[in-house]
Structure formats: C-alpha cells, structure tokens
Amino acid sequence: MIDVQFHKYTPFWNKYRPAILKMMQGGVNDWQHYQFMKHELDSFGKKPKGGHDFHMIVSESKLVKSIRDSEIAKDLFEVLQHSQTASALLAANRYEIILDKKLALRISRQNISEPAPVVQAETTN
C-alpha cells in the first residue's frame, strides 16, 4: 500500500490508480477516456458546491493550472505524486487531466520536448 496522507477522495483514486496509470501511458496527443458511475462519488457525501469536475494541467511534475478549489483534483494529484510509475510519467511528459460534469475522466499526454499546444477535450454538458 502506498503511504499517502488520507484525504477524502484518496481511497477513490487509489482504487482507480492502475487504470489511470494505463491511461497516462496512452499515445501522445491521444485522449484516453474512462467513465465513472455517479454512485461512486455519491458515497463520499454531499457533492461540493462547484461539483466534482476539474481541469488539471501538469508539466514536469508541476501544476500549470491551479486546482486549489478542487479537493478531488488535489487528492488525485497527491496519489499520482506518491506513485513511482506516475511520478516518472509526470516528470517526462505534460498531461491534461479533465473530469467533466458527467464524470468522464479524460487524460492527454504530450511530450515536453515538443511545443505544448493547449488541447481542449470535447466537453459535453
């Protein structure tokens, strides 16, 4: 078990860490998708005021886009930082990670050596 300080969504992200790592290893500039079920996050209590959705950009293991208002995004970032595999991937690539309002997780990987275009995932509301 990974030694991660407990936060509200840490167990959720630890459960899906293997799937997320596989998504992070997907093709460069290809969006990887995973659909969560609504009841999975409902079990954590009342939905936050702004919802569960977030948009995170990480380059060379550093956050490029702030996630300070999203507890679920902060917990995901911490789980990834404590994973040896994820840490290596985060250090070598740029990632755009989006959880939309319909609980679809999207991850896109770009090489750091290439100019980093801001790629937007299709959002469906």
Protein backbone atom coordinates (compact mmCIF):
# COMPACT_ATOMS: atom_id res chain seq x y z
CA MET A 1 0.00 0.00 0.00
CA ILE A 2 1.23 3.47 -0.85
CA ASP A 3 1.93 5.80 2.08
CA VAL A 4 -0.40 8.68 1.22
CA GLN A 5 -1.78 11.15 3.72
CA PHE A 6 -5.51 10.46 3.91
CA HIS A 7 -7.81 12.86 2.17
CA LYS A 8 -11.48 12.45 1.35
CA TYR A 9 -11.03 11.15 -2.22
CA THR A 10 -7.74 9.27 -1.76
CA PRO A 11 -9.44 5.83 -1.49
CA PHE A 12 -11.38 6.54 -4.70
CA TRP A 13 -8.24 7.48 -6.66
CA ASN A 14 -6.23 4.60 -5.20
CA LYS A 15 -8.93 2.21 -6.42
CA TYR A 16 -8.59 3.54 -9.98
CA ARG A 17 -4.83 4.18 -9.93
CA PRO A 18 -3.98 1.17 -12.17
CA ALA A 19 -6.49 2.31 -14.80
CA ILE A 20 -5.27 5.91 -14.58
CA LEU A 21 -1.64 4.81 -14.99
CA LYS A 22 -2.61 2.87 -18.11
CA MET A 23 -4.39 5.96 -19.44
CA MET A 24 -1.30 8.07 -18.72
CA GLN A 25 0.78 5.69 -20.85
CA GLY A 26 -1.55 6.13 -23.84
CA GLY A 27 -0.45 7.62 -27.13
CA VAL A 28 0.97 11.11 -27.33
CA ASN A 29 -1.76 13.69 -28.04
CA ASP A 30 -4.46 10.99 -27.86
CA TRP A 31 -7.25 11.42 -25.35
CA GLN A 32 -7.84 8.45 -23.08
CA HIS A 33 -11.33 8.18 -21.54
CA TYR A 34 -12.85 6.50 -18.50
CA GLN A 35 -16.46 6.89 -17.39
CA PHE A 36 -17.13 6.81 -13.65
CA MET A 37 -20.53 5.90 -12.26
CA LYS A 38 -22.40 8.63 -10.35
CA HIS A 39 -22.93 6.43 -7.29
CA GLU A 40 -19.17 6.01 -6.84
CA LEU A 41 -18.72 9.65 -5.90
CA ASP A 42 -22.10 9.95 -4.17
CA SER A 43 -20.74 7.65 -1.47
CA PHE A 44 -18.39 10.48 -0.36
CA GLY A 45 -21.30 12.59 0.85
CA LYS A 46 -22.71 15.82 -0.43
CA LYS A 47 -21.33 16.96 -3.78
CA PRO A 48 -19.07 20.02 -3.48
CA LYS A 49 -20.67 23.37 -4.36
CA GLY A 50 -18.82 23.62 -7.68
CA GLY A 51 -19.31 19.93 -8.49
CA HIS A 52 -16.67 17.26 -8.92
CA ASP A 53 -15.45 18.45 -12.32
CA PHE A 54 -11.94 19.86 -12.74
CA HIS A 55 -9.30 20.65 -15.35
CA MET A 56 -5.70 20.00 -14.34
CA ILE A 57 -2.54 20.55 -16.38
CA VAL A 58 0.74 19.07 -15.14
CA SER A 59 4.11 19.61 -16.81
CA GLU A 60 7.42 18.27 -15.48
CA SER A 61 5.63 17.19 -12.28
CA LYS A 62 4.38 20.72 -11.60
CA LEU A 63 0.85 22.04 -11.76
CA VAL A 64 0.47 24.52 -14.61
CA LYS A 65 -3.21 25.15 -13.97
CA SER A 66 -4.36 25.72 -10.39
CA ILE A 67 -6.60 23.13 -8.72
CA ARG A 68 -6.77 24.84 -5.32
CA ASP A 69 -10.58 24.92 -5.35
CA SER A 70 -10.97 21.23 -6.17
CA GLU A 71 -10.46 18.75 -3.35
CA ILE A 72 -10.95 15.79 -5.69
CA ALA A 73 -8.28 17.11 -8.11
CA LYS A 74 -5.82 17.77 -5.26
CA ASP A 75 -6.28 14.22 -3.98
CA LEU A 76 -5.68 12.78 -7.47
CA PHE A 77 -2.52 14.84 -7.88
CA GLU A 78 -1.23 13.66 -4.50
CA VAL A 79 -1.95 10.00 -5.30
CA LEU A 80 -0.08 10.37 -8.60
CA GLN A 81 2.88 12.04 -6.91
CA HIS A 82 3.19 9.10 -4.49
CA SER A 83 3.16 6.51 -7.27
CA GLN A 84 6.60 5.65 -8.63
CA THR A 85 5.26 4.97 -12.12
CA ALA A 86 3.07 8.07 -12.21
CA SER A 87 5.90 10.25 -10.87
CA ALA A 88 8.19 9.13 -13.68
CA LEU A 89 5.48 9.77 -16.27
CA LEU A 90 4.65 13.19 -14.80
CA ALA A 91 8.34 14.18 -14.87
CA ALA A 92 8.81 13.21 -18.51
CA ASN A 93 5.55 14.46 -20.03
CA ARG A 94 2.89 17.13 -19.94
CA TYR A 95 -0.60 15.96 -19.01
CA GLU A 96 -4.01 17.49 -19.31
CA ILE A 97 -6.45 15.75 -16.97
CA ILE A 98 -10.15 16.58 -17.04
CA LEU A 99 -13.07 15.24 -15.05
CA ASP A 100 -16.23 16.64 -16.60
CA LYS A 101 -19.70 17.17 -15.14
CA LYS A 102 -20.80 13.75 -16.42
CA LEU A 103 -17.88 12.14 -14.51
CA ALA A 104 -15.93 11.23 -17.64
CA LEU A 105 -12.19 11.29 -16.91
CA ARG A 106 -10.04 12.34 -19.88
CA ILE A 107 -6.26 12.25 -19.95
CA SER A 108 -4.00 13.53 -22.72
CA ARG A 109 -0.21 13.19 -22.77
CA GLN A 110 2.14 15.49 -24.68
CA ASN A 111 5.91 15.27 -24.89
CA ILE A 112 7.70 18.09 -23.10
CA SER A 113 10.25 18.42 -25.90
CA GLU A 114 7.52 19.45 -28.34
CA PRO A 115 5.80 22.82 -28.12
CA ALA A 116 2.88 22.26 -25.78
CA PRO A 117 -0.34 23.15 -27.56
CA VAL A 118 -3.27 23.70 -25.25
CA VAL A 119 -5.53 20.88 -26.31
CA GLN A 120 -9.12 21.02 -25.17
CA ALA A 121 -11.16 17.87 -24.73
CA GLU A 122 -14.63 17.85 -26.14
CA THR A 123 -16.88 18.81 -23.29
CA THR A 124 -20.40 17.54 -23.15
CA ASN A 125 -22.67 19.18 -20.65
